[in-house]
N, C-alpha and C. Protein backbone atom coordinates (compact mmCIF):
# COMPACT_ATOMS: atom_id res chain seq x y z
N SER A 1 42.50 0.03 -48.75
CA SER A 1 43.60 -0.74 -48.18
C SER A 1 43.13 -1.48 -46.93
N PRO A 2 43.69 -2.66 -46.67
CA PRO A 2 43.33 -3.39 -45.45
C PRO A 2 43.74 -2.61 -44.20
N PRO A 3 43.02 -2.79 -43.09
CA PRO A 3 43.39 -2.12 -41.85
C PRO A 3 44.83 -2.44 -41.47
N GLY A 4 45.53 -1.47 -40.95
CA GLY A 4 46.91 -1.68 -40.52
C GLY A 4 47.93 -1.49 -41.63
N THR A 5 47.47 -1.20 -42.86
CA THR A 5 48.42 -0.95 -43.94
C THR A 5 48.45 0.53 -44.25
N TRP A 6 49.50 0.94 -44.88
CA TRP A 6 49.66 2.35 -45.18
C TRP A 6 50.36 2.47 -46.52
N TRP A 7 49.80 3.26 -47.40
CA TRP A 7 50.39 3.50 -48.72
C TRP A 7 50.71 4.97 -48.84
N LEU A 8 51.89 5.25 -49.31
CA LEU A 8 52.31 6.64 -49.49
C LEU A 8 51.83 7.12 -50.86
N GLU A 9 51.00 8.13 -50.86
CA GLU A 9 50.52 8.73 -52.09
C GLU A 9 50.79 10.23 -52.02
N PRO A 10 52.06 10.61 -52.14
CA PRO A 10 52.40 12.02 -51.94
C PRO A 10 52.07 12.88 -53.16
N SER A 11 51.83 14.14 -52.87
CA SER A 11 51.74 15.13 -53.94
C SER A 11 53.19 15.47 -54.31
N ARG A 12 53.35 16.23 -55.36
CA ARG A 12 54.73 16.63 -55.73
C ARG A 12 55.38 17.39 -54.58
N ARG A 13 54.59 18.24 -53.91
CA ARG A 13 55.13 19.02 -52.80
C ARG A 13 55.55 18.10 -51.65
N GLU A 14 54.69 17.12 -51.31
CA GLU A 14 55.02 16.18 -50.23
C GLU A 14 56.23 15.32 -50.59
N LEU A 15 56.30 14.87 -51.84
CA LEU A 15 57.43 14.06 -52.28
C LEU A 15 58.72 14.86 -52.22
N SER A 16 58.66 16.10 -52.66
CA SER A 16 59.83 16.98 -52.60
C SER A 16 60.29 17.18 -51.16
N ALA A 17 59.34 17.40 -50.25
CA ALA A 17 59.68 17.59 -48.83
C ALA A 17 60.28 16.32 -48.25
N ALA A 18 59.74 15.15 -48.61
CA ALA A 18 60.27 13.89 -48.11
C ALA A 18 61.70 13.66 -48.61
N MET A 19 61.94 13.97 -49.87
CA MET A 19 63.29 13.80 -50.43
C MET A 19 64.27 14.77 -49.76
N ARG A 20 63.81 16.01 -49.52
CA ARG A 20 64.66 16.98 -48.83
C ARG A 20 65.00 16.49 -47.42
N ALA A 21 64.03 15.91 -46.73
CA ALA A 21 64.26 15.41 -45.37
C ALA A 21 65.32 14.33 -45.36
N VAL A 22 65.34 13.47 -46.37
CA VAL A 22 66.36 12.42 -46.45
C VAL A 22 67.74 13.04 -46.59
N VAL A 23 67.86 14.07 -47.43
CA VAL A 23 69.15 14.73 -47.64
C VAL A 23 69.57 15.50 -46.39
N GLU A 24 68.61 16.17 -45.75
CA GLU A 24 68.92 17.00 -44.58
C GLU A 24 69.14 16.19 -43.31
N GLU A 25 68.52 15.01 -43.21
CA GLU A 25 68.63 14.18 -42.01
C GLU A 25 68.99 12.74 -42.39
N PRO A 26 70.20 12.53 -42.92
CA PRO A 26 70.56 11.20 -43.42
C PRO A 26 70.56 10.12 -42.33
N GLU A 27 70.91 10.47 -41.11
CA GLU A 27 70.92 9.47 -40.04
C GLU A 27 69.50 9.00 -39.71
N ARG A 28 68.56 9.93 -39.70
CA ARG A 28 67.16 9.57 -39.46
C ARG A 28 66.65 8.69 -40.59
N ALA A 29 66.99 9.04 -41.83
CA ALA A 29 66.57 8.24 -42.98
C ALA A 29 67.19 6.84 -42.91
N LYS A 30 68.45 6.78 -42.51
CA LYS A 30 69.12 5.48 -42.39
C LYS A 30 68.46 4.61 -41.32
N ALA A 31 68.09 5.23 -40.18
CA ALA A 31 67.43 4.49 -39.10
C ALA A 31 66.06 3.99 -39.56
N LYS A 32 65.31 4.82 -40.30
CA LYS A 32 64.01 4.40 -40.81
C LYS A 32 64.16 3.23 -41.78
N GLY A 33 65.17 3.31 -42.63
CA GLY A 33 65.42 2.23 -43.57
C GLY A 33 65.79 0.93 -42.87
N ALA A 34 66.61 1.03 -41.82
CA ALA A 34 67.02 -0.15 -41.06
C ALA A 34 65.82 -0.78 -40.36
N GLU A 35 64.92 0.05 -39.81
CA GLU A 35 63.73 -0.47 -39.14
C GLU A 35 62.81 -1.15 -40.15
N GLY A 36 62.65 -0.55 -41.32
CA GLY A 36 61.84 -1.17 -42.36
C GLY A 36 62.41 -2.51 -42.80
N ARG A 37 63.72 -2.57 -42.95
CA ARG A 37 64.37 -3.82 -43.34
C ARG A 37 64.17 -4.89 -42.27
N ARG A 38 64.31 -4.48 -41.00
CA ARG A 38 64.14 -5.44 -39.90
C ARG A 38 62.73 -6.03 -39.92
N ARG A 39 61.73 -5.17 -40.11
CA ARG A 39 60.34 -5.66 -40.15
C ARG A 39 60.13 -6.66 -41.28
N ILE A 40 60.70 -6.37 -42.44
CA ILE A 40 60.54 -7.27 -43.58
C ILE A 40 61.26 -8.59 -43.33
N VAL A 41 62.50 -8.53 -42.86
CA VAL A 41 63.28 -9.75 -42.61
C VAL A 41 62.60 -10.62 -41.55
N GLU A 42 62.12 -10.01 -40.47
CA GLU A 42 61.50 -10.77 -39.38
C GLU A 42 60.09 -11.24 -39.70
N GLY A 43 59.32 -10.41 -40.35
CA GLY A 43 57.91 -10.71 -40.51
C GLY A 43 57.50 -11.32 -41.84
N PHE A 44 58.37 -11.27 -42.82
CA PHE A 44 57.98 -11.72 -44.14
C PHE A 44 58.97 -12.71 -44.74
N SER A 45 59.62 -13.48 -43.87
CA SER A 45 60.53 -14.53 -44.33
C SER A 45 59.70 -15.74 -44.76
N TRP A 46 60.35 -16.71 -45.38
CA TRP A 46 59.66 -17.95 -45.74
C TRP A 46 59.16 -18.65 -44.48
N ASP A 47 59.97 -18.63 -43.43
CA ASP A 47 59.56 -19.27 -42.17
C ASP A 47 58.32 -18.59 -41.59
N ALA A 48 58.31 -17.25 -41.61
CA ALA A 48 57.15 -16.53 -41.07
C ALA A 48 55.91 -16.81 -41.91
N ALA A 49 56.06 -16.87 -43.24
CA ALA A 49 54.93 -17.16 -44.11
C ALA A 49 54.42 -18.58 -43.87
N ALA A 50 55.34 -19.52 -43.71
CA ALA A 50 54.94 -20.91 -43.44
C ALA A 50 54.22 -21.03 -42.10
N ASP A 51 54.74 -20.35 -41.08
CA ASP A 51 54.09 -20.36 -39.76
C ASP A 51 52.68 -19.77 -39.85
N CYS A 52 52.54 -18.68 -40.60
CA CYS A 52 51.24 -18.03 -40.75
C CYS A 52 50.26 -18.98 -41.46
N ALA A 53 50.71 -19.62 -42.53
CA ALA A 53 49.86 -20.55 -43.27
C ALA A 53 49.47 -21.74 -42.39
N ALA A 54 50.44 -22.29 -41.66
CA ALA A 54 50.16 -23.44 -40.79
C ALA A 54 49.16 -23.06 -39.71
N ARG A 55 49.33 -21.88 -39.14
CA ARG A 55 48.41 -21.40 -38.09
C ARG A 55 47.00 -21.28 -38.64
N ARG A 56 46.89 -20.72 -39.84
CA ARG A 56 45.56 -20.54 -40.44
C ARG A 56 44.92 -21.90 -40.72
N ILE A 57 45.68 -22.84 -41.25
CA ILE A 57 45.15 -24.18 -41.52
C ILE A 57 44.70 -24.84 -40.22
N GLU A 58 45.53 -24.72 -39.18
CA GLU A 58 45.17 -25.29 -37.87
C GLU A 58 43.89 -24.65 -37.35
N ASP A 59 43.77 -23.33 -37.50
CA ASP A 59 42.56 -22.64 -37.06
C ASP A 59 41.33 -23.13 -37.82
N LEU A 60 41.46 -23.28 -39.12
CA LEU A 60 40.34 -23.73 -39.94
C LEU A 60 39.93 -25.16 -39.60
N LEU A 61 40.91 -26.00 -39.30
CA LEU A 61 40.62 -27.39 -38.97
C LEU A 61 40.26 -27.58 -37.51
N GLY A 62 40.51 -26.57 -36.70
CA GLY A 62 40.24 -26.68 -35.27
C GLY A 62 41.21 -27.62 -34.58
N VAL A 63 42.41 -27.72 -35.13
CA VAL A 63 43.42 -28.63 -34.58
C VAL A 63 44.55 -27.80 -33.97
N PRO A 64 44.80 -27.94 -32.66
CA PRO A 64 45.92 -27.21 -32.07
C PRO A 64 47.24 -27.80 -32.55
N SER A 65 48.21 -26.96 -32.70
CA SER A 65 49.54 -27.41 -33.13
C SER A 65 50.19 -28.21 -32.01
N PRO A 66 50.82 -29.36 -32.33
CA PRO A 66 51.50 -30.13 -31.30
C PRO A 66 52.68 -29.39 -30.70
N SER A 67 53.21 -28.41 -31.43
CA SER A 67 54.35 -27.66 -30.91
C SER A 67 53.93 -26.36 -30.24
N GLY A 68 52.64 -26.17 -30.02
CA GLY A 68 52.17 -24.95 -29.38
C GLY A 68 51.74 -23.94 -30.41
N PRO A 69 51.27 -22.78 -29.97
CA PRO A 69 50.79 -21.77 -30.90
C PRO A 69 51.90 -21.24 -31.79
N ARG A 70 51.56 -20.98 -33.01
CA ARG A 70 52.52 -20.42 -33.97
C ARG A 70 52.29 -18.93 -34.09
N GLY A 71 53.31 -18.23 -34.53
CA GLY A 71 53.19 -16.80 -34.75
C GLY A 71 52.47 -16.51 -36.04
N THR A 72 52.15 -15.26 -36.25
CA THR A 72 51.53 -14.83 -37.49
C THR A 72 52.32 -13.66 -38.04
N ALA A 73 52.18 -13.45 -39.32
CA ALA A 73 52.85 -12.32 -39.94
C ALA A 73 52.27 -11.02 -39.40
N PRO A 74 53.06 -9.96 -39.36
CA PRO A 74 52.54 -8.69 -38.86
C PRO A 74 51.29 -8.27 -39.62
N GLY A 75 50.31 -7.80 -38.90
CA GLY A 75 49.08 -7.33 -39.52
C GLY A 75 48.09 -8.43 -39.83
N THR A 76 48.45 -9.69 -39.55
CA THR A 76 47.54 -10.80 -39.82
C THR A 76 46.78 -11.14 -38.54
N PRO A 77 45.45 -10.95 -38.54
CA PRO A 77 44.71 -11.25 -37.31
C PRO A 77 44.62 -12.75 -37.07
N ARG A 78 44.70 -13.13 -35.82
CA ARG A 78 44.50 -14.53 -35.47
C ARG A 78 43.01 -14.82 -35.48
N GLU A 79 42.64 -16.06 -35.66
CA GLU A 79 41.23 -16.45 -35.69
C GLU A 79 40.51 -15.97 -34.44
N ALA A 80 41.17 -16.09 -33.28
CA ALA A 80 40.54 -15.69 -32.01
C ALA A 80 40.30 -14.18 -31.94
N ASP A 81 41.03 -13.39 -32.75
CA ASP A 81 40.90 -11.95 -32.73
C ASP A 81 39.81 -11.43 -33.67
N ARG A 82 39.22 -12.32 -34.46
CA ARG A 82 38.23 -11.88 -35.45
C ARG A 82 36.86 -11.76 -34.85
């Protein structure tokens, strides 16, 4: 997996424990779900994807954006960070 990503690969025991935690702590599960949704809505919208693509093209061409620096999608390194 790329750095900064995380994949859940639970055993049956871990999956059972995770499901029990959701039932036993519904407010915590709801908060985790809301945070996950917020990250997806903010970081993976069409606008965010377009900004990320435009930034990458500008970096490759060595052309600064006339509107200033653009954001990048979460987990996407900027050219200067590589």
